[in-house]
Protein backbone atom coordinates (compact mmCIF):
# COMPACT_ATOMS: atom_id res chain seq x y z
CA MET A 1 -10.61 21.61 -11.16
CA PHE A 2 -7.63 23.87 -10.58
CA TYR A 3 -6.21 21.81 -7.70
CA GLN A 4 -5.16 18.27 -8.56
CA LEU A 5 -2.58 16.14 -6.81
CA PRO A 6 -0.65 13.81 -9.14
CA PRO A 7 -0.85 10.11 -8.13
CA VAL A 8 2.95 10.12 -7.96
CA GLY A 9 5.01 13.26 -7.84
CA ASN A 10 8.73 13.10 -7.09
CA PRO A 11 10.51 15.81 -9.11
CA VAL A 12 13.70 15.37 -11.12
CA ARG A 13 16.67 16.89 -9.33
CA LEU A 14 18.81 18.54 -12.02
CA SER A 15 22.07 18.24 -10.11
CA CYS A 16 25.34 16.38 -10.53
CA GLU A 17 26.77 17.31 -7.13
CA TYR A 18 27.25 13.69 -6.02
CA PRO A 19 29.42 11.22 -7.94
CA ALA A 20 28.02 7.91 -9.16
CA GLU A 21 30.34 6.15 -6.70
CA ASP A 22 28.07 7.36 -3.89
CA LEU A 23 25.50 4.84 -5.11
CA ILE A 24 27.62 2.06 -3.61
CA LYS A 25 26.32 3.16 -0.21
CA THR A 26 22.77 2.56 -1.45
CA PHE A 27 23.29 -0.68 -3.33
CA GLY A 28 25.78 -2.02 -0.82
CA ASP A 29 28.62 -4.43 -1.45
CA ALA A 30 26.14 -7.20 -2.24
CA TYR A 31 24.90 -5.76 -5.54
CA GLN A 32 26.72 -4.59 -8.66
CA PRO A 33 24.77 -2.19 -10.93
CA TYR A 34 24.55 -2.17 -14.73
CA TYR A 35 22.67 0.71 -16.33
CA PHE A 36 20.22 0.74 -19.25
CA ALA A 37 18.09 3.25 -21.15
CA SER A 38 14.85 2.23 -19.40
CA GLY A 39 13.45 -0.07 -16.77
CA THR A 40 11.94 -2.21 -19.53
CA ALA A 41 15.34 -2.55 -21.21
CA ALA A 42 16.88 -3.46 -17.84
CA LEU A 43 14.29 -6.21 -17.32
CA ALA A 44 14.84 -7.49 -20.86
CA ALA A 45 18.58 -7.65 -20.16
CA ALA A 46 17.96 -9.59 -16.94
CA ILE A 47 15.70 -12.09 -18.73
CA SER A 48 18.28 -12.45 -21.52
CA VAL A 49 20.89 -13.35 -18.91
CA ALA A 50 18.54 -15.99 -17.46
CA ILE A 51 18.00 -17.47 -20.93
CA ARG A 52 21.72 -17.63 -21.69
CA LEU A 53 22.49 -19.22 -18.33
CA LYS A 54 20.06 -22.08 -18.85
CA ALA A 55 20.60 -22.37 -22.62
CA ILE A 56 17.39 -24.18 -23.56
CA ASP A 57 14.93 -23.95 -26.42
CA GLU A 58 11.58 -22.19 -25.96
CA PRO A 59 12.44 -20.52 -22.62
CA GLU A 60 9.65 -19.36 -20.29
CA VAL A 61 9.43 -16.72 -17.58
CA ILE A 62 6.79 -16.71 -14.86
CA LEU A 63 5.16 -13.43 -13.88
CA PRO A 64 1.92 -12.15 -12.30
CA ALA A 65 -1.27 -11.77 -14.36
CA TYR A 66 -1.77 -8.28 -12.94
CA GLY A 67 0.96 -5.74 -13.57
CA CYS A 68 2.58 -3.35 -16.00
CA PRO A 69 2.50 -4.47 -19.66
CA ASP A 70 6.20 -3.59 -19.84
CA LEU A 71 6.77 -6.95 -18.15
CA ILE A 72 5.48 -8.60 -21.32
CA SER A 73 7.45 -6.23 -23.58
CA ALA A 74 10.69 -7.21 -21.84
CA ALA A 75 9.98 -10.95 -21.97
CA ILE A 76 9.07 -10.91 -25.66
CA PHE A 77 12.12 -8.81 -26.58
CA ALA A 78 14.40 -11.20 -24.69
CA GLY A 79 12.87 -14.18 -26.51
CA ALA A 80 10.99 -15.80 -23.63
CA LYS A 81 7.38 -16.90 -23.40
CA PRO A 82 5.56 -15.04 -20.58
CA VAL A 83 3.65 -17.50 -18.37
CA LEU A 84 1.03 -15.79 -16.21
CA VAL A 85 0.13 -16.70 -12.65
CA ASP A 86 -2.98 -15.59 -10.76
CA LEU A 87 -2.72 -13.58 -7.53
CA GLU A 88 -3.38 -14.70 -4.01
CA ALA A 89 -6.82 -13.57 -2.81
CA ASP A 90 -6.74 -9.88 -1.78
CA ARG A 91 -2.97 -9.65 -2.05
CA PRO A 92 -0.51 -8.21 -4.63
CA TRP A 93 1.41 -11.52 -4.63
CA MET A 94 1.50 -14.48 -7.01
CA ASN A 95 -0.44 -17.60 -6.03
CA LEU A 96 2.28 -20.00 -4.88
CA GLU A 97 0.31 -23.16 -5.63
CA GLN A 98 -0.41 -22.11 -9.21
CA LEU A 99 3.14 -20.86 -9.67
CA SER A 100 4.55 -24.20 -8.54
CA ALA A 101 2.26 -26.05 -10.97
CA LYS A 102 3.47 -23.92 -13.90
CA LEU A 103 7.18 -24.37 -13.19
CA ASN A 104 8.97 -26.75 -15.55
CA GLU A 105 12.36 -27.41 -17.16
CA LYS A 106 11.77 -24.52 -19.62
CA THR A 107 11.40 -21.95 -16.83
CA VAL A 108 14.45 -19.68 -16.86
CA ALA A 109 13.22 -17.04 -14.41
CA ILE A 110 10.52 -16.08 -11.93
CA ILE A 111 9.79 -12.35 -11.98
CA ALA A 112 8.79 -11.16 -8.50
CA VAL A 113 7.18 -7.71 -8.63
CA ASN A 114 7.37 -5.36 -5.64
CA LEU A 115 4.03 -3.71 -6.45
CA PHE A 116 3.49 -0.23 -4.92
CA GLY A 117 6.70 -0.84 -2.93
CA ILE A 118 5.27 -3.89 -1.10
CA SER A 119 7.79 -6.71 -1.39
CA GLU A 120 6.89 -10.04 -2.94
CA ARG A 121 7.62 -13.07 -0.72
CA LEU A 122 11.03 -13.83 -2.18
CA GLU A 123 11.97 -16.16 0.64
CA GLN A 124 9.13 -18.44 -0.49
CA LEU A 125 9.81 -18.00 -4.20
CA ARG A 126 13.54 -18.79 -3.97
CA PRO A 127 13.27 -22.55 -3.34
CA LEU A 128 10.77 -22.82 -6.20
CA ALA A 129 13.19 -21.08 -8.58
CA GLU A 130 16.16 -23.12 -7.40
CA LYS A 131 14.23 -26.36 -7.92
CA GLU A 132 14.21 -25.71 -11.68
CA GLY A 133 17.55 -23.90 -11.90
CA ALA A 134 15.79 -20.61 -12.68
CA LEU A 135 16.88 -17.11 -11.70
CA LEU A 136 14.80 -15.10 -9.25
CA ILE A 137 14.43 -11.66 -10.85
CA GLU A 138 13.14 -9.00 -8.47
CA ASP A 139 11.28 -6.25 -10.32
CA SER A 140 11.77 -3.30 -7.99
CA ALA A 141 10.67 -0.57 -10.42
CA GLN A 142 8.18 0.66 -7.78
CA ALA A 143 10.34 0.06 -4.73
CA PHE A 144 13.50 1.82 -3.62
CA PRO A 145 15.00 1.88 -0.10
CA SER A 146 14.38 4.90 2.08
CA GLY A 147 17.30 6.41 3.94
CA GLY A 148 16.88 4.13 6.97
CA GLU A 149 16.47 0.84 5.12
CA ASN A 150 19.06 -1.80 4.38
CA ASN A 151 18.96 -5.11 2.54
CA ILE A 152 15.47 -4.72 1.03
CA TRP A 153 16.44 -6.69 -2.08
CA GLN A 154 16.77 -10.47 -2.19
CA GLY A 155 16.71 -11.39 -5.89
CA ASP A 156 19.51 -12.96 -7.91
CA LEU A 157 18.96 -9.98 -10.19
CA VAL A 158 17.15 -6.78 -9.20
CA VAL A 159 15.61 -4.48 -11.81
CA LEU A 160 15.16 -0.74 -11.18
CA SER A 161 13.44 1.94 -13.24
CA PHE A 162 14.12 5.67 -13.24
CA GLY A 163 11.21 6.56 -15.51
CA ARG A 164 8.40 9.05 -15.00
CA GLY A 165 6.45 8.39 -11.84
CA LYS A 166 9.01 6.04 -10.29
CA PRO A 167 10.49 6.48 -6.78
CA VAL A 168 13.72 7.91 -8.20
CA SER A 169 12.77 9.62 -11.46
CA LEU A 170 15.05 10.76 -14.26
CA LEU A 171 12.26 10.50 -16.88
CA GLY A 172 14.13 7.49 -18.24
CA GLY A 173 16.81 4.97 -17.43
CA GLY A 174 16.98 1.74 -15.49
CA ALA A 175 19.41 -0.66 -13.89
CA VAL A 176 20.07 -4.32 -13.23
CA LEU A 177 21.73 -5.16 -9.93
CA HIS A 178 23.24 -8.60 -9.56
CA ASP A 179 23.95 -10.39 -6.33
CA THR A 180 27.74 -10.60 -6.04
CA GLY A 181 27.36 -13.41 -3.50
CA ASN A 182 25.50 -15.62 -5.97
CA SER A 183 27.25 -18.89 -6.84
CA ARG A 184 27.09 -17.79 -10.50
CA ALA A 185 28.27 -14.23 -9.82
CA ASP A 186 31.21 -14.33 -12.25
CA GLU A 187 29.01 -15.53 -15.07
CA LEU A 188 26.34 -12.94 -14.27
CA THR A 189 28.99 -10.23 -14.37
CA ARG A 190 30.25 -11.40 -17.76
CA LEU A 191 26.79 -11.64 -19.34
CA LEU A 192 25.59 -8.28 -18.03
CA SER A 193 28.83 -6.57 -19.07
CA GLU A 194 28.46 -7.90 -22.63
CA GLY A 195 24.98 -6.40 -22.97
CA ASN A 196 25.73 -3.08 -21.27
CA SER A 197 26.95 0.09 -22.94
CA ARG A 198 26.56 3.84 -22.60
CA SER A 199 24.31 5.70 -25.00
CA GLU A 200 25.92 8.96 -26.07
CA ARG A 201 23.60 11.92 -26.55
CA SER A 202 24.03 15.03 -28.66
CA ARG A 203 24.08 18.52 -27.18
CA LYS A 204 20.63 19.06 -28.66
CA SER A 205 19.19 16.01 -26.90
CA ARG A 206 20.78 17.03 -23.59
CA ILE A 207 19.12 20.45 -23.83
CA ALA A 208 15.83 18.73 -24.69
CA PHE A 209 16.14 16.59 -21.56
CA TRP A 210 16.73 19.63 -19.33
CA LEU A 211 13.68 21.40 -20.80
CA LYS A 212 11.54 18.28 -20.47
CA ALA A 213 12.59 17.81 -16.84
CA LYS A 214 11.90 21.47 -16.02
CA LEU A 215 8.45 21.20 -17.60
CA TYR A 216 7.74 17.94 -15.76
CA ASN A 217 8.75 19.44 -12.42
CA GLY A 218 6.40 22.35 -13.01
CA MET A 219 3.46 20.29 -14.24
CA ILE A 220 3.39 17.94 -11.21
CA SER A 221 2.53 20.89 -8.99
CA PRO A 222 -1.01 20.46 -7.60
CA ARG A 223 -1.82 23.91 -8.96
CA LEU A 224 -0.84 22.94 -12.51
CA TYR A 225 -1.37 19.17 -12.80
CA TRP A 226 -4.95 19.69 -14.00
CA LEU A 227 -3.49 21.14 -17.21
CA PRO A 228 -1.67 18.04 -18.56
CA GLN A 229 -4.54 15.90 -17.25
CA SER A 230 -6.93 17.81 -19.48
CA LEU A 231 -4.87 17.05 -22.63
CA PRO A 232 -5.99 13.61 -23.90
CA PHE A 233 -3.09 13.21 -26.34
CA LEU A 234 -0.66 12.94 -23.39
CA HIS A 235 -2.38 9.68 -22.30
CA LEU A 236 -1.60 10.39 -18.63
CA GLY A 237 -2.46 7.45 -16.41
CA GLU A 238 -3.32 5.14 -19.32
CA THR A 239 -2.08 1.56 -19.34
CA ARG A 240 -0.75 0.73 -22.79
CA PHE A 241 1.39 -2.00 -24.32
CA HIS A 242 4.52 -0.71 -26.07
CA PRO A 243 6.87 -3.29 -27.61
CA LEU A 244 10.52 -2.78 -26.69
CA LYS A 245 12.48 -1.99 -29.84
CA SER A 246 16.10 -1.88 -28.71
CA LEU A 247 18.43 -2.57 -25.80
CA GLU A 248 20.56 0.47 -25.07
CA GLY A 249 22.60 1.74 -22.16
CA ILE A 250 21.78 4.79 -20.08
CA ASP A 251 23.01 8.14 -21.31
CA PRO A 252 25.83 9.85 -19.34
CA LEU A 253 23.74 12.90 -18.37
CA ARG A 254 21.11 10.87 -16.55
CA LEU A 255 23.76 8.68 -14.94
CA SER A 256 25.59 11.76 -13.67
CA MET A 257 22.39 12.92 -11.94
CA LEU A 258 21.39 9.58 -10.47
CA ALA A 259 23.23 9.82 -7.14
CA SER A 260 21.80 13.30 -6.44
CA ASN A 261 18.27 12.06 -7.15
CA VAL A 262 18.75 9.00 -4.95
CA LYS A 263 19.93 11.19 -2.07
CA ALA A 264 17.02 13.60 -2.54
CA TYR A 265 14.56 10.70 -2.47
CA GLN A 266 16.10 9.11 0.60
CA HIS A 267 16.24 12.39 2.50
CA ASP A 268 12.61 13.15 1.66
CA SER A 269 10.17 12.76 4.53
CA MET A 270 7.79 9.79 4.83
CA THR A 271 5.31 12.00 6.68
CA THR A 272 2.49 11.57 4.17
CA GLN A 273 2.72 7.78 4.15
CA ASN A 274 2.85 7.62 7.95
CA LYS A 275 -0.13 9.95 8.30
CA LEU A 276 -2.15 7.87 5.83
CA TYR A 277 -1.25 4.73 7.78
CA GLU A 278 -2.39 6.33 11.04
CA MET A 279 -5.51 7.81 9.46
CA LEU A 280 -6.62 4.51 7.99
CA GLY A 281 -5.97 2.78 11.31
CA GLN A 282 -8.18 5.29 13.12
CA SER A 283 -10.93 4.88 10.52
CA ASP A 284 -11.55 1.27 11.69
CA LEU A 285 -11.97 -0.43 8.34
CA SER A 286 -12.27 -3.87 9.92
CA HIS A 287 -16.02 -4.04 9.35
CA SER A 288 -16.08 -2.21 6.04
CA ASP A 289 -15.49 -3.26 2.47
CA ILE A 290 -12.16 -1.42 2.34
CA THR A 291 -8.87 -3.28 2.85
CA ASP A 292 -5.65 -1.46 3.75
CA LEU A 293 -3.13 -3.50 1.75
CA SER A 294 -0.12 -2.07 3.55
CA ARG A 295 -1.44 -3.43 6.84
CA SER A 296 -2.71 -6.68 5.34
CA CYS A 297 0.71 -7.40 3.84
CA GLU A 298 2.43 -6.42 7.11
CA ASN A 299 4.44 -3.75 5.37
CA THR A 300 6.81 -2.21 7.91
CA LYS A 301 6.63 1.52 8.59
CA GLU A 302 10.20 1.86 7.33
CA ARG A 303 9.31 0.38 3.93
CA ARG A 304 8.53 3.27 1.65
CA LEU A 305 5.54 3.01 -0.67
CA LEU A 306 5.29 4.61 -4.10
CA ARG A 307 1.49 4.65 -3.71
CA TYR A 308 -0.77 3.72 -0.79
CA PRO A 309 -3.00 0.85 -2.00
CA LEU A 310 -6.55 0.04 -0.93
CA LEU A 311 -8.88 -2.72 -2.06
CA VAL A 312 -12.43 -1.38 -2.19
CA GLY A 313 -15.65 -3.36 -2.63
CA LYS A 314 -17.08 -3.11 -6.13
CA ALA A 315 -20.31 -1.62 -4.78
CA ILE A 316 -18.57 1.54 -3.50
CA ARG A 317 -15.32 1.67 -5.45
CA ASP A 318 -16.52 3.98 -8.26
CA GLN A 319 -18.33 6.21 -5.79
CA LEU A 320 -15.23 6.52 -3.61
CA TYR A 321 -13.00 7.15 -6.63
CA SER A 322 -15.30 9.90 -7.93
CA GLU A 323 -15.49 11.62 -4.56
CA LEU A 324 -11.71 11.60 -4.04
CA GLN A 325 -11.18 12.71 -7.63
CA ARG A 326 -13.68 15.57 -7.23
CA TYR A 327 -11.46 17.11 -4.56
CA GLY A 328 -8.27 16.57 -6.59
CA LEU A 329 -6.77 14.10 -4.10
CA GLY A 330 -4.55 12.12 -6.48
CA VAL A 331 -6.54 8.88 -6.35
CA SER A 332 -5.73 6.32 -9.04
CA ARG A 333 -7.13 3.02 -10.31
CA MET A 334 -3.57 2.00 -11.28
CA TYR A 335 -3.66 -0.70 -13.99
CA PRO A 336 -7.40 -1.01 -14.74
CA THR A 337 -7.34 -4.62 -15.91
CA ILE A 338 -5.27 -7.81 -16.02
CA LEU A 339 -2.57 -8.26 -18.66
CA PRO A 340 -4.54 -10.50 -21.10
CA GLU A 341 -7.24 -7.82 -21.37
CA ILE A 342 -4.86 -5.05 -22.45
CA SER A 343 -4.96 -4.15 -26.14
CA GLY A 344 -2.16 -5.94 -27.97
CA LEU A 345 -1.87 -8.74 -25.41
CA GLU A 346 -4.99 -10.71 -26.34
CA ALA A 347 -2.89 -13.80 -27.15
CA LEU A 348 -2.33 -14.23 -23.41
CA GLN A 349 -6.01 -15.09 -23.02
CA GLN A 350 -5.15 -18.60 -24.20
CA GLN A 351 -3.51 -19.17 -20.81
CA GLY A 352 -6.91 -19.22 -19.08
CA GLU A 353 -8.67 -17.05 -16.54
CA PHE A 354 -7.17 -15.27 -13.56
CA PRO A 355 -10.11 -14.55 -11.24
CA GLU A 356 -8.20 -13.18 -8.25
CA ALA A 357 -6.07 -10.87 -10.38
CA SER A 358 -9.20 -9.68 -12.19
CA SER A 359 -10.98 -9.01 -8.88
CA PHE A 360 -7.89 -7.17 -7.61
CA ALA A 361 -7.86 -4.91 -10.68
CA LYS A 362 -11.55 -4.09 -10.32
CA ARG A 363 -11.26 -3.14 -6.64
CA LEU A 364 -7.92 -1.32 -6.43
CA LEU A 365 -7.52 2.34 -5.57
CA THR A 366 -4.25 4.06 -4.65
CA LEU A 367 -3.61 7.25 -2.71
CA PRO A 368 -0.56 9.51 -3.23
CA THR A 369 2.30 9.38 -0.72
CA HIS A 370 4.57 12.11 -2.09
CA SER A 371 5.59 15.26 -0.24
CA GLN A 372 3.17 17.56 -2.07
CA VAL A 373 0.23 16.02 -0.18
CA SER A 374 -0.84 18.47 2.55
CA GLN A 375 -2.40 17.82 5.94
CA MET A 376 -5.62 19.29 4.56
CA ASP A 377 -5.51 16.72 1.73
CA ILE A 378 -5.02 13.87 4.22
CA ASP A 379 -7.87 15.12 6.42
CA LYS A 380 -10.17 15.23 3.40
CA MET A 381 -9.16 11.70 2.35
CA CYS A 382 -9.92 10.54 5.90
CA GLN A 383 -13.32 12.21 5.88
CA ILE A 384 -14.32 10.70 2.51
CA ILE A 385 -13.01 7.19 3.23
CA SER A 386 -14.54 7.10 6.71
CA ALA A 387 -17.91 8.18 5.33
CA ASP A 388 -17.88 5.52 2.62
CA SER A 389 -16.73 2.75 4.95
CA GLY A 390 -19.31 3.84 7.53
CA ASN A 391 -22.10 3.81 4.95
CA LYS A 392 -21.11 0.25 4.07
CA ARG A 393 -21.47 -0.84 7.71
CA LEU A 394 -24.99 0.56 7.78
């Protein structure tokens, strides 16, 4: 009980030692950033740009049926109808055939989600978007380049989040990057500039942020994480729909710390992820009911994952979850259901059933990849997973 790894656990670096200009090295010359108060607000701004570019009545955006409900919050706030697409079988990607069938003249954007850090197939989505004159919006809230990666983004617009539990966390904030090489770059710049402003914060709110960040950094320690987990009113790990109420810019304090947090993230070791990859390879899951999604999606070793995802057969998934949870190993079910089954989003059920997305939700488990995971933790994960996969083979 008194040792519990958080599913995600990158601390907030309370430092302003690097100027915001240093972020150019991360984003590169190809992308221009615009900052917002949250990742949801950033996505709403990106969708708003897509709507204004196409200038049609009753705009629609296409997005996956499995994902964070903030996708829906952003679409509704921007004034677009969210159109859901089922997943490919055993993959975190949208079904291309169904997506193509749902494209029409009202489609203003396709939202490609880099779930867990695994990239969507943007090279296959781009011609579909271009066919209808829609923007390709890359939701990279769960994906951020490691120090050795370049050119991981391919969207016309890329959305980042700096919220709690994200790769680079400031407990709030987000950004929209736009492709400066896009044929509509000048118009994208104008539209994003019009909707972007800085949110000034009082001295009291700045002090509150520092205290909140200090508390957060302490509570994600494996020796203390059991404490916030035991407080139900914090709703840790719950998937809930929260309507977006306003579109504001990022506050100067968070922006001043962003470059330092990016550098800390990129300099952090990928040892845990690499050890999990090796461990799962040695476990020989080929004949079991456990699928290593990183391998199945041919995720490169350089591509950093926010969480390490597994698909587990329904017959053993709850057993495996309980066993990993019993030893405090940071296992998570992620989003427990598809978007139409989340409270407040029942209207989406009119769009039909999404069997592959539903199966994905019922079989998913994720393992932590952050630096607080010890070799002893990894060895225990290996022991438990190997036992369960071996039992399945018998």
